Amino acid sequence: MDILFLLIPISLVIMGVAIWVFLWAIRSGQFEDLEGPAHRILMDDDDPRIPRRPELKQDDE
């Protein structure tokens, strides 16, 4: 029974931290665009991620 005096405050602190993190995520805009990344992965990106080096010109003399 004495353990409840320890577990209840610990659980309240953990719950308070979880609510604080959730509110911080809402205020910082983490949940603004939920569908964008799902649609972005389906779009074909024609541009290469790594830009190619310019071709070296060879003089045909």
PDB file of N, CA and C in Angstrom:
ATOM      1  N   MET A   1       0.808  -1.195   0.000  1.00  0.00           N
ATOM      2  CA  MET A   1       0.000   0.000   0.000  1.00  0.00           C
ATOM      3  C   MET A   1       0.856   1.265   0.000  1.00  0.00           C
ATOM      4  N   ASP A   2       2.031   1.170   0.606  1.00  0.00           N
ATOM      5  CA  ASP A   2       2.927   2.325   0.645  1.00  0.00           C
ATOM      6  C   ASP A   2       3.478   2.673  -0.740  1.00  0.00           C
ATOM      7  N   ILE A   3       3.525   1.681  -1.612  1.00  0.00           N
ATOM      8  CA  ILE A   3       4.066   1.920  -2.950  1.00  0.00           C
ATOM      9  C   ILE A   3       3.173   2.861  -3.747  1.00  0.00           C
ATOM     10  N   LEU A   4       1.884   2.925  -3.411  1.00  0.00           N
ATOM     11  CA  LEU A   4       0.974   3.837  -4.104  1.00  0.00           C
ATOM     12  C   LEU A   4       1.356   5.293  -3.881  1.00  0.00           C
ATOM     13  N   PHE A   5       1.940   5.596  -2.728  1.00  0.00           N
ATOM     14  CA  PHE A   5       2.386   6.956  -2.457  1.00  0.00           C
ATOM     15  C   PHE A   5       3.542   7.353  -3.377  1.00  0.00           C
ATOM     16  N   LEU A   6       4.228   6.401  -3.936  1.00  0.00           N
ATOM     17  CA  LEU A   6       5.300   6.670  -4.878  1.00  0.00           C
ATOM     18  C   LEU A   6       4.798   6.591  -6.321  1.00  0.00           C
ATOM     19  N   LEU A   7       3.982   5.599  -6.633  1.00  0.00           N
ATOM     20  CA  LEU A   7       3.556   5.378  -8.011  1.00  0.00           C
ATOM     21  C   LEU A   7       2.576   6.429  -8.527  1.00  0.00           C
ATOM     22  N   ILE A   8       1.687   6.902  -7.682  1.00  0.00           N
ATOM     23  CA  ILE A   8       0.706   7.893  -8.133  1.00  0.00           C
ATOM     24  C   ILE A   8       1.381   9.215  -8.504  1.00  0.00           C
ATOM     25  N   PRO A   9       2.276   9.782  -7.712  1.00  0.00           N
ATOM     26  CA  PRO A   9       2.950  11.020  -8.153  1.00  0.00           C
ATOM     27  C   PRO A   9       3.819  10.819  -9.399  1.00  0.00           C
ATOM     28  N   ILE A  10       4.483   9.673  -9.483  1.00  0.00           N
ATOM     29  CA  ILE A  10       5.303   9.403 -10.672  1.00  0.00           C
ATOM     30  C   ILE A  10       4.428   9.331 -11.918  1.00  0.00           C
ATOM     31  N   SER A  11       3.293   8.658 -11.813  1.00  0.00           N
ATOM     32  CA  SER A  11       2.406   8.556 -12.976  1.00  0.00           C
ATOM     33  C   SER A  11       1.828   9.916 -13.348  1.00  0.00           C
ATOM     34  N   LEU A  12       1.526  10.765 -12.361  1.00  0.00           N
ATOM     35  CA  LEU A  12       1.033  12.102 -12.664  1.00  0.00           C
ATOM     36  C   LEU A  12       2.096  12.959 -13.350  1.00  0.00           C
ATOM     37  N   VAL A  13       3.342  12.808 -12.938  1.00  0.00           N
ATOM     38  CA  VAL A  13       4.432  13.550 -13.578  1.00  0.00           C
ATOM     39  C   VAL A  13       4.610  13.080 -15.016  1.00  0.00           C
ATOM     40  N   ILE A  14       4.588  11.774 -15.250  1.00  0.00           N
ATOM     41  CA  ILE A  14       4.732  11.240 -16.604  1.00  0.00           C
ATOM     42  C   ILE A  14       3.571  11.684 -17.485  1.00  0.00           C
ATOM     43  N   MET A  15       2.365  11.687 -16.955  1.00  0.00           N
ATOM     44  CA  MET A  15       1.202  12.132 -17.710  1.00  0.00           C
ATOM     45  C   MET A  15       1.315  13.628 -18.027  1.00  0.00           C
ATOM     46  N   GLY A  16       1.790  14.414 -17.077  1.00  0.00           N
ATOM     47  CA  GLY A  16       1.988  15.844 -17.321  1.00  0.00           C
ATOM     48  C   GLY A  16       3.018  16.103 -18.413  1.00  0.00           C
ATOM     49  N   VAL A  17       4.106  15.348 -18.408  1.00  0.00           N
ATOM     50  CA  VAL A  17       5.127  15.499 -19.448  1.00  0.00           C
ATOM     51  C   VAL A  17       4.564  15.102 -20.809  1.00  0.00           C
ATOM     52  N   ALA A  18       3.783  14.035 -20.867  1.00  0.00           N
ATOM     53  CA  ALA A  18       3.189  13.596 -22.129  1.00  0.00           C
ATOM     54  C   ALA A  18       2.228  14.644 -22.677  1.00  0.00           C
ATOM     55  N   ILE A  19       1.444  15.265 -21.818  1.00  0.00           N
ATOM     56  CA  ILE A  19       0.517  16.313 -22.263  1.00  0.00           C
ATOM     57  C   ILE A  19       1.296  17.533 -22.732  1.00  0.00           C
ATOM     58  N   TRP A  20       2.353  17.890 -22.025  1.00  0.00           N
ATOM     59  CA  TRP A  20       3.174  19.019 -22.429  1.00  0.00           C
ATOM     60  C   TRP A  20       3.809  18.779 -23.799  1.00  0.00           C
ATOM     61  N   VAL A  21       4.336  17.576 -24.038  1.00  0.00           N
ATOM     62  CA  VAL A  21       4.942  17.251 -25.336  1.00  0.00           C
ATOM     63  C   VAL A  21       3.886  17.296 -26.437  1.00  0.00           C
ATOM     64  N   PHE A  22       2.697  16.799 -26.175  1.00  0.00           N
ATOM     65  CA  PHE A  22       1.624  16.825 -27.154  1.00  0.00           C
ATOM     66  C   PHE A  22       1.229  18.256 -27.494  1.00  0.00           C
ATOM     67  N   LEU A  23       1.076  19.111 -26.488  1.00  0.00           N
ATOM     68  CA  LEU A  23       0.728  20.509 -26.740  1.00  0.00           C
ATOM     69  C   LEU A  23       1.832  21.244 -27.475  1.00  0.00           C
ATOM     70  N   TRP A  24       3.084  20.941 -27.160  1.00  0.00           N
ATOM     71  CA  TRP A  24       4.208  21.537 -27.874  1.00  0.00           C
ATOM     72  C   TRP A  24       4.177  21.136 -29.344  1.00  0.00           C
ATOM     73  N   ALA A  25       3.875  19.867 -29.633  1.00  0.00           N
ATOM     74  CA  ALA A  25       3.816  19.401 -31.019  1.00  0.00           C
ATOM     75  C   ALA A  25       2.694  20.087 -31.780  1.00  0.00           C
ATOM     76  N   ILE A  26       1.579  20.328 -31.126  1.00  0.00           N
ATOM     77  CA  ILE A  26       0.465  21.016 -31.784  1.00  0.00           C
ATOM     78  C   ILE A  26       0.840  22.463 -32.078  1.00  0.00           C
ATOM     79  N   ARG A  27       1.430  23.149 -31.118  1.00  0.00           N
ATOM     80  CA  ARG A  27       1.778  24.557 -31.300  1.00  0.00           C
ATOM     81  C   ARG A  27       2.891  24.760 -32.314  1.00  0.00           C
ATOM     82  N   SER A  28       3.789  23.794 -32.465  1.00  0.00           N
ATOM     83  CA  SER A  28       4.901  23.964 -33.398  1.00  0.00           C
ATOM     84  C   SER A  28       4.543  23.533 -34.813  1.00  0.00           C
ATOM     85  N   GLY A  29       3.320  23.063 -35.031  1.00  0.00           N
ATOM     86  CA  GLY A  29       2.876  22.756 -36.389  1.00  0.00           C
ATOM     87  C   GLY A  29       3.187  21.357 -36.864  1.00  0.00           C
ATOM     88  N   GLN A  30       3.375  20.430 -35.975  1.00  0.00           N
ATOM     89  CA  GLN A  30       3.706  19.066 -36.372  1.00  0.00           C
ATOM     90  C   GLN A  30       2.539  18.364 -37.057  1.00  0.00           C
ATOM     91  N   PHE A  31       1.324  18.787 -36.789  1.00  0.00           N
ATOM     92  CA  PHE A  31       0.155  18.109 -37.331  1.00  0.00           C
ATOM     93  C   PHE A  31      -0.544  18.935 -38.406  1.00  0.00           C
ATOM     94  N   GLU A  32       0.140  19.908 -39.000  1.00  0.00           N
ATOM     95  CA  GLU A  32      -0.483  20.778 -39.986  1.00  0.00           C
ATOM     96  C   GLU A  32      -0.791  20.049 -41.296  1.00  0.00           C
ATOM     97  N   ASP A  33       0.168  19.317 -41.844  1.00  0.00           N
ATOM     98  CA  ASP A  33       0.003  18.669 -43.144  1.00  0.00           C
ATOM     99  C   ASP A  33       0.165  17.166 -42.969  1.00  0.00           C
ATOM    100  N   LEU A  34      -0.933  16.481 -42.770  1.00  0.00           N
ATOM    101  CA  LEU A  34      -0.866  15.036 -42.543  1.00  0.00           C
ATOM    102  C   LEU A  34      -0.861  14.247 -43.847  1.00  0.00           C
ATOM    103  N   GLU A  35      -1.403  14.813 -44.928  1.00  0.00           N
ATOM    104  CA  GLU A  35      -1.497  14.071 -46.177  1.00  0.00           C
ATOM    105  C   GLU A  35      -0.367  14.399 -47.146  1.00  0.00           C
ATOM    106  N   GLY A  36       0.334  15.479 -46.935  1.00  0.00           N
ATOM    107  CA  GLY A  36       1.396  15.890 -47.857  1.00  0.00           C
ATOM    108  C   GLY A  36       2.485  14.856 -48.059  1.00  0.00           C
ATOM    109  N   PRO A  37       3.099  14.335 -47.007  1.00  0.00           N
ATOM    110  CA  PRO A  37       4.148  13.339 -47.211  1.00  0.00           C
ATOM    111  C   PRO A  37       3.643  12.053 -47.881  1.00  0.00           C
ATOM    112  N   ALA A  38       2.389  11.691 -47.634  1.00  0.00           N
ATOM    113  CA  ALA A  38       1.849  10.488 -48.267  1.00  0.00           C
ATOM    114  C   ALA A  38       1.699  10.687 -49.766  1.00  0.00           C
ATOM    115  N   HIS A  39       1.326  11.880 -50.186  1.00  0.00           N
ATOM    116  CA  HIS A  39       1.185  12.151 -51.619  1.00  0.00           C
ATOM    117  C   HIS A  39       2.543  12.423 -52.266  1.00  0.00           C
ATOM    118  N   ARG A  40       3.449  13.024 -51.540  1.00  0.00           N
ATOM    119  CA  ARG A  40       4.751  13.369 -52.085  1.00  0.00           C
ATOM    120  C   ARG A  40       5.558  12.133 -52.469  1.00  0.00           C
ATOM    121  N   ILE A  41       5.394  11.037 -51.733  1.00  0.00           N
ATOM    122  CA  ILE A  41       6.160   9.836 -52.036  1.00  0.00           C
ATOM    123  C   ILE A  41       5.691   9.196 -53.336  1.00  0.00           C
ATOM    124  N   LEU A  42       4.451   9.483 -53.735  1.00  0.00           N
ATOM    125  CA  LEU A  42       3.920   8.911 -54.967  1.00  0.00           C
ATOM    126  C   LEU A  42       4.280   9.727 -56.200  1.00  0.00           C
ATOM    127  N   MET A  43       4.657  10.967 -56.030  1.00  0.00           N
ATOM    128  CA  MET A  43       4.994  11.815 -57.166  1.00  0.00           C
ATOM    129  C   MET A  43       6.350  11.416 -57.722  1.00  0.00           C
ATOM    130  N   ASP A  44       6.435  11.398 -59.050  1.00  0.00           N
ATOM    131  CA  ASP A  44       7.681  11.048 -59.715  1.00  0.00           C
ATOM    132  C   ASP A  44       8.552  12.291 -59.794  1.00  0.00           C
ATOM    133  N   ASP A  45       9.733  12.196 -59.267  1.00  0.00           N
ATOM    134  CA  ASP A  45      10.652  13.318 -59.274  1.00  0.00           C
ATOM    135  C   ASP A  45      11.646  13.106 -60.405  1.00  0.00           C
ATOM    136  N   ASP A  46      11.562  13.947 -61.433  1.00  0.00           N
ATOM    137  CA  ASP A  46      12.429  13.782 -62.590  1.00  0.00           C
ATOM    138  C   ASP A  46      13.836  14.309 -62.348  1.00  0.00           C
ATOM    139  N   ASP A  47      13.993  15.198 -61.394  1.00  0.00           N
ATOM    140  CA  ASP A  47      15.307  15.760 -61.122  1.00  0.00           C
ATOM    141  C   ASP A  47      16.130  14.777 -60.295  1.00  0.00           C
ATOM    142  N   PRO A  48      17.376  14.530 -60.702  1.00  0.00           N
ATOM    143  CA  PRO A  48      18.209  13.627 -59.890  1.00  0.00           C
ATOM    144  C   PRO A  48      18.577  14.284 -58.565  1.00  0.00           C
ATOM    145  N   ARG A  49      18.707  13.487 -57.532  1.00  0.00           N
ATOM    146  CA  ARG A  49      19.058  14.009 -56.211  1.00  0.00           C
ATOM    147  C   ARG A  49      20.488  14.546 -56.201  1.00  0.00           C
ATOM    148  N   ILE A  50      21.401  13.840 -56.875  1.00  0.00           N
ATOM    149  CA  ILE A  50      22.798  14.251 -56.922  1.00  0.00           C
ATOM    150  C   ILE A  50      23.026  14.917 -58.276  1.00  0.00           C
ATOM    151  N   PRO A  51      23.344  16.197 -58.289  1.00  0.00           N
ATOM    152  CA  PRO A  51      23.547  16.844 -59.586  1.00  0.00           C
ATOM    153  C   PRO A  51      24.772  16.257 -60.293  1.00  0.00           C
ATOM    154  N   ARG A  52      24.627  16.083 -61.579  1.00  0.00           N
ATOM    155  CA  ARG A  52      25.740  15.533 -62.356  1.00  0.00           C
ATOM    156  C   ARG A  52      26.778  16.610 -62.612  1.00  0.00           C
ATOM    157  N   ARG A  53      28.024  16.148 -62.724  1.00  0.00           N
ATOM    158  CA  ARG A  53      29.096  17.077 -63.047  1.00  0.00           C
ATOM    159  C   ARG A  53      28.973  17.468 -64.509  1.00  0.00           C
ATOM    160  N   PRO A  54      29.336  18.675 -64.830  1.00  0.00           N
ATOM    161  CA  PRO A  54      29.290  19.055 -66.245  1.00  0.00           C
ATOM    162  C   PRO A  54      30.271  18.204 -67.047  1.00  0.00           C
ATOM    163  N   GLU A  55      29.835  17.837 -68.218  1.00  0.00           N
ATOM    164  CA  GLU A  55      30.691  17.011 -69.078  1.00  0.00           C
ATOM    165  C   GLU A  55      31.923  17.809 -69.488  1.00  0.00           C
ATOM    166  N   LEU A  56      33.054  17.163 -69.470  1.00  0.00           N
ATOM    167  CA  LEU A  56      34.292  17.812 -69.902  1.00  0.00           C
ATOM    168  C   LEU A  56      34.310  17.860 -71.417  1.00  0.00           C
ATOM    169  N   LYS A  57      34.555  19.038 -71.939  1.00  0.00           N
ATOM    170  CA  LYS A  57      34.603  19.184 -73.394  1.00  0.00           C
ATOM    171  C   LYS A  57      35.944  18.692 -73.898  1.00  0.00           C
ATOM    172  N   GLN A  58      35.897  17.871 -74.904  1.00  0.00           N
ATOM    173  CA  GLN A  58      37.140  17.369 -75.515  1.00  0.00           C
ATOM    174  C   GLN A  58      37.314  18.068 -76.846  1.00  0.00           C
ATOM    175  N   ASP A  59      38.492  18.614 -77.033  1.00  0.00           N
ATOM    176  CA  ASP A  59      38.801  19.295 -78.292  1.00  0.00           C
ATOM    177  C   ASP A  59      39.230  18.266 -79.310  1.00  0.00           C
ATOM    178  N   ASP A  60      38.534  18.226 -80.436  1.00  0.00           N
ATOM    179  CA  ASP A  60      38.911  17.315 -81.523  1.00  0.00           C
ATOM    180  C   ASP A  60      39.759  18.077 -82.517  1.00  0.00           C
ATOM    181  N   GLU A  61      41.063  18.057 -82.303  1.00  0.00           N
ATOM    182  CA  GLU A  61      41.964  18.803 -83.162  1.00  0.00           C
ATOM    183  C   GLU A  61      42.688  17.896 -84.085  1.00  0.00           C
TER     184      GLU A  61
END
